[in-house]
């Protein structure tokens, strides 16, 4: 599963709408839970954990800013 435009660090602390990216051109539709293998935009860490029924160290988070991403994801969710 890939999530883009998640608005870090708010992604780990707040809830934002989640959209599924449904075309190569970026057409999106609202959705309320994620599924393995999907491509999504927005959402929140809590939504991801609930949808997949996984928590903490069961999740590997990869971001574009190593220090901030690791620091925030570890502090708030133990990812």
PDB file of N, CA and C in Angstrom:
ATOM      1  N   UNK A   1       0.846  -1.162   0.000  1.00  0.00           N
ATOM      2  CA  UNK A   1       0.000   0.000   0.000  1.00  0.00           C
ATOM      3  C   UNK A   1       0.897   1.232   0.000  1.00  0.00           C
ATOM      4  N   UNK A   2       0.486   2.236  -0.736  1.00  0.00           N
ATOM      5  CA  UNK A   2       1.216   3.499  -0.802  1.00  0.00           C
ATOM      6  C   UNK A   2       0.246   4.623  -0.460  1.00  0.00           C
ATOM      7  N   UNK A   3       0.724   5.540   0.381  1.00  0.00           N
ATOM      8  CA  UNK A   3      -0.072   6.726   0.718  1.00  0.00           C
ATOM      9  C   UNK A   3       0.761   7.950   0.392  1.00  0.00           C
ATOM     10  N   UNK A   4       0.186   8.864  -0.378  1.00  0.00           N
ATOM     11  CA  UNK A   4       0.870  10.098  -0.740  1.00  0.00           C
ATOM     12  C   UNK A   4       0.131  11.274  -0.123  1.00  0.00           C
ATOM     13  N   UNK A   5       0.796  12.408  -0.074  1.00  0.00           N
ATOM     14  CA  UNK A   5       0.201  13.659   0.415  1.00  0.00           C
ATOM     15  C   UNK A   5      -0.463  13.481   1.777  1.00  0.00           C
ATOM     16  N   UNK A   6       0.267  12.839   2.687  1.00  0.00           N
ATOM     17  CA  UNK A   6      -0.336  12.581   3.993  1.00  0.00           C
ATOM     18  C   UNK A   6      -0.202  13.715   4.989  1.00  0.00           C
ATOM     19  N   UNK A   7       0.452  14.791   4.615  1.00  0.00           N
ATOM     20  CA  UNK A   7       0.569  15.999   5.447  1.00  0.00           C
ATOM     21  C   UNK A   7       1.257  15.747   6.784  1.00  0.00           C
ATOM     22  N   UNK A   8       2.472  15.239   6.730  1.00  0.00           N
ATOM     23  CA  UNK A   8       3.225  15.052   7.969  1.00  0.00           C
ATOM     24  C   UNK A   8       3.513  16.407   8.597  1.00  0.00           C
ATOM     25  N   UNK A   9       3.581  16.565   9.874  1.00  0.00           N
ATOM     26  CA  UNK A   9       3.357  15.562  10.914  1.00  0.00           C
ATOM     27  C   UNK A   9       1.877  15.388  11.297  1.00  0.00           C
ATOM     28  N   UNK A  10       0.966  16.161  10.695  1.00  0.00           N
ATOM     29  CA  UNK A  10      -0.450  16.048  11.043  1.00  0.00           C
ATOM     30  C   UNK A  10      -0.984  14.639  10.825  1.00  0.00           C
ATOM     31  N   UNK A  11      -0.447  13.919   9.867  1.00  0.00           N
ATOM     32  CA  UNK A  11      -0.868  12.553   9.570  1.00  0.00           C
ATOM     33  C   UNK A  11      -0.822  11.680  10.829  1.00  0.00           C
ATOM     34  N   UNK A  12       0.141  11.933  11.700  1.00  0.00           N
ATOM     35  CA  UNK A  12       0.313  11.132  12.908  1.00  0.00           C
ATOM     36  C   UNK A  12      -0.490  11.648  14.094  1.00  0.00           C
ATOM     37  N   UNK A  13      -1.039  12.842  14.001  1.00  0.00           N
ATOM     38  CA  UNK A  13      -1.702  13.449  15.152  1.00  0.00           C
ATOM     39  C   UNK A  13      -3.167  13.810  14.918  1.00  0.00           C
ATOM     40  N   UNK A  14      -3.603  13.949  13.684  1.00  0.00           N
ATOM     41  CA  UNK A  14      -4.955  14.397  13.362  1.00  0.00           C
ATOM     42  C   UNK A  14      -5.569  13.481  12.310  1.00  0.00           C
ATOM     43  N   UNK A  15      -6.844  13.679  12.053  1.00  0.00           N
ATOM     44  CA  UNK A  15      -7.520  12.895  11.028  1.00  0.00           C
ATOM     45  C   UNK A  15      -7.905  13.793   9.851  1.00  0.00           C
ATOM     46  N   UNK A  16      -7.540  13.372   8.654  1.00  0.00           N
ATOM     47  CA  UNK A  16      -7.886  14.082   7.430  1.00  0.00           C
ATOM     48  C   UNK A  16      -8.633  13.123   6.511  1.00  0.00           C
ATOM     49  N   UNK A  17      -9.380  13.637   5.545  1.00  0.00           N
ATOM     50  CA  UNK A  17     -10.078  12.756   4.606  1.00  0.00           C
ATOM     51  C   UNK A  17      -9.092  11.857   3.852  1.00  0.00           C
ATOM     52  N   UNK A  18      -9.555  10.668   3.527  1.00  0.00           N
ATOM     53  CA  UNK A  18      -8.760   9.701   2.775  1.00  0.00           C
ATOM     54  C   UNK A  18      -9.375   9.544   1.392  1.00  0.00           C
ATOM     55  N   UNK A  19      -8.523   9.515   0.379  1.00  0.00           N
ATOM     56  CA  UNK A  19      -8.973   9.333  -0.995  1.00  0.00           C
ATOM     57  C   UNK A  19      -8.211   8.179  -1.629  1.00  0.00           C
ATOM     58  N   UNK A  20      -8.899   7.390  -2.428  1.00  0.00           N
ATOM     59  CA  UNK A  20      -8.249   6.342  -3.197  1.00  0.00           C
ATOM     60  C   UNK A  20      -7.911   6.915  -4.564  1.00  0.00           C
ATOM     61  N   UNK A  21      -6.673   6.752  -5.013  1.00  0.00           N
ATOM     62  CA  UNK A  21      -6.262   7.193  -6.347  1.00  0.00           C
ATOM     63  C   UNK A  21      -6.670   6.081  -7.308  1.00  0.00           C
ATOM     64  N   UNK A  22      -7.558   6.401  -8.255  1.00  0.00           N
ATOM     65  CA  UNK A  22      -8.147   5.361  -9.095  1.00  0.00           C
ATOM     66  C   UNK A  22      -7.691   5.363 -10.553  1.00  0.00           C
ATOM     67  N   UNK A  23      -6.984   6.396 -10.987  1.00  0.00           N
ATOM     68  CA  UNK A  23      -6.468   6.407 -12.362  1.00  0.00           C
ATOM     69  C   UNK A  23      -5.026   6.893 -12.365  1.00  0.00           C
ATOM     70  N   UNK A  24      -4.332   6.599 -13.447  1.00  0.00           N
ATOM     71  CA  UNK A  24      -2.958   7.065 -13.610  1.00  0.00           C
ATOM     72  C   UNK A  24      -2.845   8.572 -13.700  1.00  0.00           C
ATOM     73  N   UNK A  25      -3.946   9.230 -14.059  1.00  0.00           N
ATOM     74  CA  UNK A  25      -3.957  10.694 -14.149  1.00  0.00           C
ATOM     75  C   UNK A  25      -4.212  11.345 -12.795  1.00  0.00           C
ATOM     76  N   UNK A  26      -4.480  10.541 -11.764  1.00  0.00           N
ATOM     77  CA  UNK A  26      -4.663  11.090 -10.425  1.00  0.00           C
ATOM     78  C   UNK A  26      -6.103  11.296  -9.997  1.00  0.00           C
ATOM     79  N   UNK A  27      -7.079  10.772 -10.741  1.00  0.00           N
ATOM     80  CA  UNK A  27      -8.467  10.879 -10.325  1.00  0.00           C
ATOM     81  C   UNK A  27      -8.642  10.137  -9.000  1.00  0.00           C
ATOM     82  N   UNK A  28      -9.298  10.793  -8.041  1.00  0.00           N
ATOM     83  CA  UNK A  28      -9.458  10.204  -6.720  1.00  0.00           C
ATOM     84  C   UNK A  28     -10.926  10.141  -6.338  1.00  0.00           C
ATOM     85  N   UNK A  29     -11.244   9.196  -5.442  1.00  0.00           N
ATOM     86  CA  UNK A  29     -12.584   9.109  -4.880  1.00  0.00           C
ATOM     87  C   UNK A  29     -12.458   8.929  -3.374  1.00  0.00           C
ATOM     88  N   UNK A  30     -13.381   9.501  -2.613  1.00  0.00           N
ATOM     89  CA  UNK A  30     -13.338   9.363  -1.160  1.00  0.00           C
ATOM     90  C   UNK A  30     -13.462   7.896  -0.754  1.00  0.00           C
ATOM     91  N   UNK A  31     -12.761   7.526   0.301  1.00  0.00           N
ATOM     92  CA  UNK A  31     -12.914   6.191   0.863  1.00  0.00           C
ATOM     93  C   UNK A  31     -12.694   6.285   2.377  1.00  0.00           C
ATOM     94  N   UNK A  32     -13.041   5.221   3.081  1.00  0.00           N
ATOM     95  CA  UNK A  32     -13.010   5.264   4.533  1.00  0.00           C
ATOM     96  C   UNK A  32     -12.113   4.214   5.163  1.00  0.00           C
ATOM     97  N   UNK A  33     -11.545   3.343   4.340  1.00  0.00           N
ATOM     98  CA  UNK A  33     -10.561   2.397   4.854  1.00  0.00           C
ATOM     99  C   UNK A  33      -9.616   2.004   3.741  1.00  0.00           C
ATOM    100  N   UNK A  34      -8.419   1.607   4.121  1.00  0.00           N
ATOM    101  CA  UNK A  34      -7.407   1.220   3.145  1.00  0.00           C
ATOM    102  C   UNK A  34      -7.377  -0.293   3.008  1.00  0.00           C
ATOM    103  N   UNK A  35      -6.861  -0.743   1.884  1.00  0.00           N
ATOM    104  CA  UNK A  35      -6.664  -2.162   1.636  1.00  0.00           C
ATOM    105  C   UNK A  35      -5.244  -2.374   1.139  1.00  0.00           C
ATOM    106  N   UNK A  36      -4.694  -3.516   1.436  1.00  0.00           N
ATOM    107  CA  UNK A  36      -3.351  -3.855   0.990  1.00  0.00           C
ATOM    108  C   UNK A  36      -3.269  -3.731  -0.526  1.00  0.00           C
ATOM    109  N   UNK A  37      -2.213  -3.100  -1.004  1.00  0.00           N
ATOM    110  CA  UNK A  37      -1.994  -2.966  -2.437  1.00  0.00           C
ATOM    111  C   UNK A  37      -2.594  -1.731  -3.073  1.00  0.00           C
ATOM    112  N   UNK A  38      -3.344  -0.929  -2.309  1.00  0.00           N
ATOM    113  CA  UNK A  38      -3.978   0.255  -2.858  1.00  0.00           C
ATOM    114  C   UNK A  38      -3.062   1.464  -2.907  1.00  0.00           C
ATOM    115  N   UNK A  39      -3.515   2.493  -3.600  1.00  0.00           N
ATOM    116  CA  UNK A  39      -2.817   3.777  -3.676  1.00  0.00           C
ATOM    117  C   UNK A  39      -3.769   4.832  -3.141  1.00  0.00           C
ATOM    118  N   UNK A  40      -3.329   5.581  -2.133  1.00  0.00           N
ATOM    119  CA  UNK A  40      -4.194   6.511  -1.420  1.00  0.00           C
ATOM    120  C   UNK A  40      -3.534   7.869  -1.242  1.00  0.00           C
ATOM    121  N   UNK A  41      -4.373   8.849  -0.927  1.00  0.00           N
ATOM    122  CA  UNK A  41      -3.913  10.203  -0.644  1.00  0.00           C
ATOM    123  C   UNK A  41      -4.582  10.669   0.641  1.00  0.00           C
ATOM    124  N   UNK A  42      -3.789  11.232   1.556  1.00  0.00           N
ATOM    125  CA  UNK A  42      -4.340  11.777   2.793  1.00  0.00           C
ATOM    126  C   UNK A  42      -4.513  10.737   3.869  1.00  0.00           C
ATOM    127  N   UNK A  43      -5.587  10.878   4.666  1.00  0.00           N
ATOM    128  CA  UNK A  43      -5.862   9.948   5.749  1.00  0.00           C
ATOM    129  C   UNK A  43      -5.088  10.269   7.015  1.00  0.00           C
ATOM    130  N   UNK A  44      -5.002   9.276   7.884  1.00  0.00           N
ATOM    131  CA  UNK A  44      -4.283   9.447   9.151  1.00  0.00           C
ATOM    132  C   UNK A  44      -3.690   8.111   9.585  1.00  0.00           C
ATOM    133  N   UNK A  45      -2.715   8.180  10.460  1.00  0.00           N
ATOM    134  CA  UNK A  45      -2.074   6.974  10.977  1.00  0.00           C
ATOM    135  C   UNK A  45      -3.087   6.089  11.695  1.00  0.00           C
ATOM    136  N   UNK A  46      -3.956   6.693  12.473  1.00  0.00           N
ATOM    137  CA  UNK A  46      -4.966   5.930  13.205  1.00  0.00           C
ATOM    138  C   UNK A  46      -5.883   5.178  12.233  1.00  0.00           C
ATOM    139  N   UNK A  47      -6.252   5.811  11.128  1.00  0.00           N
ATOM    140  CA  UNK A  47      -7.097   5.182  10.122  1.00  0.00           C
ATOM    141  C   UNK A  47      -6.389   3.969   9.508  1.00  0.00           C
ATOM    142  N   UNK A  48      -5.102   4.098   9.256  1.00  0.00           N
ATOM    143  CA  UNK A  48      -4.329   3.000   8.670  1.00  0.00           C
ATOM    144  C   UNK A  48      -4.294   1.816   9.627  1.00  0.00           C
ATOM    145  N   UNK A  49      -3.984   2.092  10.883  1.00  0.00           N
ATOM    146  CA  UNK A  49      -3.929   1.017  11.880  1.00  0.00           C
ATOM    147  C   UNK A  49      -5.276   0.312  12.010  1.00  0.00           C
ATOM    148  N   UNK A  50      -6.358   1.067  12.058  1.00  0.00           N
ATOM    149  CA  UNK A  50      -7.694   0.486  12.197  1.00  0.00           C
ATOM    150  C   UNK A  50      -8.086  -0.327  10.966  1.00  0.00           C
ATOM    151  N   UNK A  51      -7.855   0.210   9.784  1.00  0.00           N
ATOM    152  CA  UNK A  51      -8.243  -0.478   8.548  1.00  0.00           C
ATOM    153  C   UNK A  51      -7.522  -1.807   8.364  1.00  0.00           C
ATOM    154  N   UNK A  52      -6.244  -1.827   8.673  1.00  0.00           N
ATOM    155  CA  UNK A  52      -5.435  -3.019   8.450  1.00  0.00           C
ATOM    156  C   UNK A  52      -5.344  -3.919   9.676  1.00  0.00           C
ATOM    157  N   UNK A  53      -5.855  -3.424  10.813  1.00  0.00           N
ATOM    158  CA  UNK A  53      -5.780  -4.138  12.079  1.00  0.00           C
ATOM    159  C   UNK A  53      -4.338  -4.506  12.435  1.00  0.00           C
ATOM    160  N   UNK A  54      -3.446  -3.533  12.271  1.00  0.00           N
ATOM    161  CA  UNK A  54      -2.049  -3.666  12.663  1.00  0.00           C
ATOM    162  C   UNK A  54      -1.671  -2.440  13.481  1.00  0.00           C
ATOM    163  N   UNK A  55      -0.661  -2.593  14.327  1.00  0.00           N
ATOM    164  CA  UNK A  55      -0.289  -1.499  15.209  1.00  0.00           C
ATOM    165  C   UNK A  55       1.216  -1.474  15.443  1.00  0.00           C
ATOM    166  N   UNK A  56       1.706  -0.294  15.792  1.00  0.00           N
ATOM    167  CA  UNK A  56       3.088  -0.117  16.226  1.00  0.00           C
ATOM    168  C   UNK A  56       4.128  -0.721  15.316  1.00  0.00           C
ATOM    169  N   UNK A  57       4.933  -1.626  15.880  1.00  0.00           N
ATOM    170  CA  UNK A  57       6.078  -2.151  15.141  1.00  0.00           C
ATOM    171  C   UNK A  57       5.701  -3.136  14.037  1.00  0.00           C
ATOM    172  N   UNK A  58       4.429  -3.349  13.782  1.00  0.00           N
ATOM    173  CA  UNK A  58       3.987  -4.169  12.651  1.00  0.00           C
ATOM    174  C   UNK A  58       3.971  -3.359  11.355  1.00  0.00           C
ATOM    175  N   UNK A  59       4.206  -2.040  11.451  1.00  0.00           N
ATOM    176  CA  UNK A  59       4.142  -1.143  10.303  1.00  0.00           C
ATOM    177  C   UNK A  59       5.524  -0.592   9.997  1.00  0.00           C
ATOM    178  N   UNK A  60       5.903  -0.630   8.738  1.00  0.00           N
ATOM    179  CA  UNK A  60       7.141  -0.005   8.283  1.00  0.00           C
ATOM    180  C   UNK A  60       6.759   1.274   7.557  1.00  0.00           C
ATOM    181  N   UNK A  61       7.202   2.399   8.085  1.00  0.00           N
ATOM    182  CA  UNK A  61       6.911   3.697   7.485  1.00  0.00           C
ATOM    183  C   UNK A  61       8.163   4.216   6.804  1.00  0.00           C
ATOM    184  N   UNK A  62       8.033   4.586   5.534  1.00  0.00           N
ATOM    185  CA  UNK A  62       9.150   5.149   4.780  1.00  0.00           C
ATOM    186  C   UNK A  62       8.716   6.513   4.281  1.00  0.00           C
ATOM    187  N   UNK A  63       9.476   7.534   4.639  1.00  0.00           N
ATOM    188  CA  UNK A  63       9.142   8.891   4.223  1.00  0.00           C
ATOM    189  C   UNK A  63      10.267   9.527   3.448  1.00  0.00           C
ATOM    190  N   UNK A  64      10.130  10.804   3.182  1.00  0.00           N
ATOM    191  CA  UNK A  64      11.129  11.512   2.385  1.00  0.00           C
ATOM    192  C   UNK A  64      12.109  12.323   3.231  1.00  0.00           C
ATOM    193  N   UNK A  65      11.911  12.389   4.531  1.00  0.00           N
ATOM    194  CA  UNK A  65      12.816  13.113   5.415  1.00  0.00           C
ATOM    195  C   UNK A  65      13.121  12.205   6.595  1.00  0.00           C
ATOM    196  N   UNK A  66      14.233  11.504   6.504  1.00  0.00           N
ATOM    197  CA  UNK A  66      14.539  10.432   7.444  1.00  0.00           C
ATOM    198  C   UNK A  66      14.431  10.854   8.904  1.00  0.00           C
ATOM    199  N   UNK A  67      15.090  11.918   9.319  1.00  0.00           N
ATOM    200  CA  UNK A  67      15.076  12.275  10.737  1.00  0.00           C
ATOM    201  C   UNK A  67      13.666  12.594  11.232  1.00  0.00           C
ATOM    202  N   UNK A  68      12.985  13.490  10.561  1.00  0.00           N
ATOM    203  CA  UNK A  68      11.649  13.894  11.007  1.00  0.00           C
ATOM    204  C   UNK A  68      10.671  12.731  10.937  1.00  0.00           C
ATOM    205  N   UNK A  69      10.678  11.997   9.845  1.00  0.00           N
ATOM    206  CA  UNK A  69       9.742  10.893   9.677  1.00  0.00           C
ATOM    207  C   UNK A  69       9.928   9.822  10.738  1.00  0.00           C
ATOM    208  N   UNK A  70      11.152   9.423  10.973  1.00  0.00           N
ATOM    209  CA  UNK A  70      11.416   8.400  11.981  1.00  0.00           C
ATOM    210  C   UNK A  70      11.075   8.920  13.360  1.00  0.00           C
ATOM    211  N   UNK A  71      11.468  10.125  13.675  1.00  0.00           N
ATOM    212  CA  UNK A  71      11.209  10.703  14.985  1.00  0.00           C
ATOM    213  C   UNK A  71       9.716  10.791  15.283  1.00  0.00           C
ATOM    214  N   UNK A  72       8.956  11.401  14.405  1.00  0.00           N
ATOM    215  CA  UNK A  72       7.523  11.596  14.639  1.00  0.00           C
ATOM    216  C   UNK A  72       6.776  10.272  14.634  1.00  0.00           C
ATOM    217  N   UNK A  73       7.056   9.398  13.680  1.00  0.00           N
ATOM    218  CA  UNK A  73       6.324   8.128  13.605  1.00  0.00           C
ATOM    219  C   UNK A  73       6.623   7.247  14.819  1.00  0.00           C
ATOM    220  N   UNK A  74       7.845   7.275  15.316  1.00  0.00           N
ATOM    221  CA  UNK A  74       8.203   6.490  16.509  1.00  0.00           C
ATOM    222  C   UNK A  74       7.556   7.054  17.761  1.00  0.00           C
ATOM    223  N   UNK A  75       7.592   8.353  17.942  1.00  0.00           N
ATOM    224  CA  UNK A  75       7.052   8.978  19.147  1.00  0.00           C
ATOM    225  C   UNK A  75       5.545   8.766  19.259  1.00  0.00           C
ATOM    226  N   UNK A  76       4.812   8.965  18.168  1.00  0.00           N
ATOM    227  CA  UNK A  76       3.358   8.927  18.239  1.00  0.00           C
ATOM    228  C   UNK A  76       2.748   7.542  18.039  1.00  0.00           C
ATOM    229  N   UNK A  77       3.405   6.677  17.256  1.00  0.00           N
ATOM    230  CA  UNK A  77       2.760   5.396  16.923  1.00  0.00           C
ATOM    231  C   UNK A  77       3.666   4.188  17.006  1.00  0.00           C
ATOM    232  N   UNK A  78       4.921   4.375  17.327  1.00  0.00           N
ATOM    233  CA  UNK A  78       5.892   3.274  17.404  1.00  0.00           C
ATOM    234  C   UNK A  78       6.049   2.525  16.086  1.00  0.00           C
ATOM    235  N   UNK A  79       5.852   3.250  14.970  1.00  0.00           N
ATOM    236  CA  UNK A  79       6.037   2.644  13.657  1.00  0.00           C
ATOM    237  C   UNK A  79       7.515   2.509  13.390  1.00  0.00           C
TER     238      UNK A  79
END
